[in-house]
Amino acid sequence: MHKAPTEAGVLNPLINFLSTMPAPPALQEGTDYYIENGLFVFTEHFLRRRGYCCQSGCRHCPYGFVKNSQDLQGETAGKEPGVVSQDEQDGQV
């Protein structure tokens, strides 16, 4: 019978190292994010503190990344992420 990698010591050093790291600070609503139409929207403050661009087209991206509308598909092409029109909210689209 084979031993699991953690039992064999393959992952133990990584697990031990990660367990010594402090937990990241809790996100604070209003400072790090806000909720719009049930979606979390990260603020520029949080995105700068995170320190890198994820290239997801975040609304408040401080790194200047703009997602190309060709990268999006269907009816959402060219829309800002997390933005829903009134017709969509009313179910008329």
C-alpha atoms as a PDB file:
ATOM      1  CA  MET A   1       0.000   0.000   0.000  1.00  0.00           C
ATOM      2  CA  HIS A   2       1.308   3.454  -0.951  1.00  0.00           C
ATOM      3  CA  LYS A   3       1.639   6.193   1.601  1.00  0.00           C
ATOM      4  CA  ALA A   4      -0.092   9.503   0.962  1.00  0.00           C
ATOM      5  CA  PRO A   5       2.337  12.266  -0.113  1.00  0.00           C
ATOM      6  CA  THR A   6       1.954  14.075   3.205  1.00  0.00           C
ATOM      7  CA  GLU A   7       2.859  10.908   5.079  1.00  0.00           C
ATOM      8  CA  ALA A   8       5.902  10.450   2.870  1.00  0.00           C
ATOM      9  CA  GLY A   9       7.061  13.954   3.742  1.00  0.00           C
ATOM     10  CA  VAL A  10       6.621  15.431   0.268  1.00  0.00           C
ATOM     11  CA  LEU A  11       4.108  18.116   1.273  1.00  0.00           C
ATOM     12  CA  ASN A  12       4.941  18.408   4.954  1.00  0.00           C
ATOM     13  CA  PRO A  13       7.568  21.186   4.551  1.00  0.00           C
ATOM     14  CA  LEU A  14       5.134  23.298   2.532  1.00  0.00           C
ATOM     15  CA  ILE A  15       2.279  22.685   4.955  1.00  0.00           C
ATOM     16  CA  ASN A  16       4.544  23.515   7.885  1.00  0.00           C
ATOM     17  CA  PHE A  17       5.712  26.727   6.217  1.00  0.00           C
ATOM     18  CA  LEU A  18       2.184  27.856   5.332  1.00  0.00           C
ATOM     19  CA  SER A  19       0.926  27.147   8.836  1.00  0.00           C
ATOM     20  CA  THR A  20       3.459  29.656  10.233  1.00  0.00           C
ATOM     21  CA  MET A  21       2.286  32.498   7.993  1.00  0.00           C
ATOM     22  CA  PRO A  22      -0.127  35.023   9.472  1.00  0.00           C
ATOM     23  CA  ALA A  23      -3.656  34.999   8.133  1.00  0.00           C
ATOM     24  CA  PRO A  24      -4.411  37.770   5.651  1.00  0.00           C
ATOM     25  CA  PRO A  25      -6.347  40.681   7.130  1.00  0.00           C
ATOM     26  CA  ALA A  26     -10.107  40.377   6.967  1.00  0.00           C
ATOM     27  CA  LEU A  27     -11.774  42.384   4.214  1.00  0.00           C
ATOM     28  CA  GLN A  28     -13.709  45.416   5.390  1.00  0.00           C
ATOM     29  CA  GLU A  29     -16.904  46.368   3.612  1.00  0.00           C
ATOM     30  CA  GLY A  30     -16.736  49.943   2.372  1.00  0.00           C
ATOM     31  CA  THR A  31     -12.935  50.036   2.433  1.00  0.00           C
ATOM     32  CA  ASP A  32     -11.959  46.900   0.505  1.00  0.00           C
ATOM     33  CA  TYR A  33     -15.222  46.162  -1.288  1.00  0.00           C
ATOM     34  CA  TYR A  34     -18.871  47.034  -1.589  1.00  0.00           C
ATOM     35  CA  ILE A  35     -21.840  44.986  -2.691  1.00  0.00           C
ATOM     36  CA  GLU A  36     -23.772  46.033  -5.781  1.00  0.00           C
ATOM     37  CA  ASN A  37     -26.694  43.974  -7.072  1.00  0.00           C
ATOM     38  CA  GLY A  38     -25.534  41.056  -4.925  1.00  0.00           C
ATOM     39  CA  LEU A  39     -21.980  41.122  -6.326  1.00  0.00           C
ATOM     40  CA  PHE A  40     -18.762  41.980  -4.496  1.00  0.00           C
ATOM     41  CA  VAL A  41     -16.947  44.898  -6.154  1.00  0.00           C
ATOM     42  CA  PHE A  42     -13.346  45.401  -5.028  1.00  0.00           C
ATOM     43  CA  THR A  43     -12.232  48.978  -4.412  1.00  0.00           C
ATOM     44  CA  GLU A  44      -9.087  50.583  -5.798  1.00  0.00           C
ATOM     45  CA  HIS A  45      -7.733  50.594  -2.230  1.00  0.00           C
ATOM     46  CA  PHE A  46      -7.971  46.810  -1.993  1.00  0.00           C
ATOM     47  CA  LEU A  47      -6.640  46.200  -5.505  1.00  0.00           C
ATOM     48  CA  ARG A  48      -3.573  48.388  -4.838  1.00  0.00           C
ATOM     49  CA  ARG A  49      -2.934  46.650  -1.518  1.00  0.00           C
ATOM     50  CA  ARG A  50      -3.179  43.260  -3.240  1.00  0.00           C
ATOM     51  CA  GLY A  51      -0.305  44.399  -5.419  1.00  0.00           C
ATOM     52  CA  TYR A  52      -0.990  42.965  -8.867  1.00  0.00           C
ATOM     53  CA  CYS A  53      -3.486  43.023 -11.733  1.00  0.00           C
ATOM     54  CA  CYS A  54      -5.551  39.850 -12.183  1.00  0.00           C
ATOM     55  CA  GLN A  55      -6.644  40.950 -15.700  1.00  0.00           C
ATOM     56  CA  SER A  56     -10.296  40.214 -14.922  1.00  0.00           C
ATOM     57  CA  GLY A  57     -11.497  43.674 -15.887  1.00  0.00           C
ATOM     58  CA  CYS A  58     -12.105  44.905 -12.339  1.00  0.00           C
ATOM     59  CA  ARG A  59     -14.164  48.095 -12.272  1.00  0.00           C
ATOM     60  CA  HIS A  60     -11.675  49.981 -10.085  1.00  0.00           C
ATOM     61  CA  CYS A  61      -8.443  48.519 -11.514  1.00  0.00           C
ATOM     62  CA  PRO A  62      -5.565  50.856 -10.559  1.00  0.00           C
ATOM     63  CA  TYR A  63      -3.220  49.180 -13.053  1.00  0.00           C
ATOM     64  CA  GLY A  64      -4.925  50.484 -16.196  1.00  0.00           C
ATOM     65  CA  PHE A  65      -6.129  47.118 -17.473  1.00  0.00           C
ATOM     66  CA  VAL A  66      -9.244  47.399 -19.640  1.00  0.00           C
ATOM     67  CA  LYS A  67     -10.805  44.147 -20.720  1.00  0.00           C
ATOM     68  CA  ASN A  68     -11.338  44.121 -24.480  1.00  0.00           C
ATOM     69  CA  SER A  69     -15.015  43.737 -25.350  1.00  0.00           C
ATOM     70  CA  GLN A  70     -13.977  40.996 -27.794  1.00  0.00           C
ATOM     71  CA  ASP A  71     -12.833  38.943 -24.791  1.00  0.00           C
ATOM     72  CA  LEU A  72     -16.420  38.877 -23.559  1.00  0.00           C
ATOM     73  CA  GLN A  73     -19.103  36.800 -25.213  1.00  0.00           C
ATOM     74  CA  GLY A  74     -22.840  37.071 -25.753  1.00  0.00           C
ATOM     75  CA  GLU A  75     -25.021  39.886 -24.511  1.00  0.00           C
ATOM     76  CA  THR A  76     -22.479  41.040 -21.929  1.00  0.00           C
ATOM     77  CA  ALA A  77     -19.939  42.170 -24.561  1.00  0.00           C
ATOM     78  CA  GLY A  78     -18.743  45.704 -23.883  1.00  0.00           C
ATOM     79  CA  LYS A  79     -20.475  46.021 -20.509  1.00  0.00           C
ATOM     80  CA  GLU A  80     -18.669  46.836 -17.333  1.00  0.00           C
ATOM     81  CA  PRO A  81     -18.509  43.743 -15.069  1.00  0.00           C
ATOM     82  CA  GLY A  82     -21.237  43.730 -12.461  1.00  0.00           C
ATOM     83  CA  VAL A  83     -23.408  46.296 -14.226  1.00  0.00           C
ATOM     84  CA  VAL A  84     -26.950  45.222 -15.037  1.00  0.00           C
ATOM     85  CA  SER A  85     -29.362  47.322 -17.080  1.00  0.00           C
ATOM     86  CA  GLN A  86     -32.829  48.181 -15.794  1.00  0.00           C
ATOM     87  CA  ASP A  87     -34.372  45.942 -18.504  1.00  0.00           C
ATOM     88  CA  GLU A  88     -32.243  43.029 -17.305  1.00  0.00           C
ATOM     89  CA  GLN A  89     -33.321  43.681 -13.725  1.00  0.00           C
ATOM     90  CA  ASP A  90     -36.961  43.700 -14.846  1.00  0.00           C
ATOM     91  CA  GLY A  91     -36.470  40.460 -16.814  1.00  0.00           C
ATOM     92  CA  GLN A  92     -37.298  42.082 -20.170  1.00  0.00           C
ATOM     93  CA  VAL A  93     -34.103  41.062 -21.962  1.00  0.00           C
END
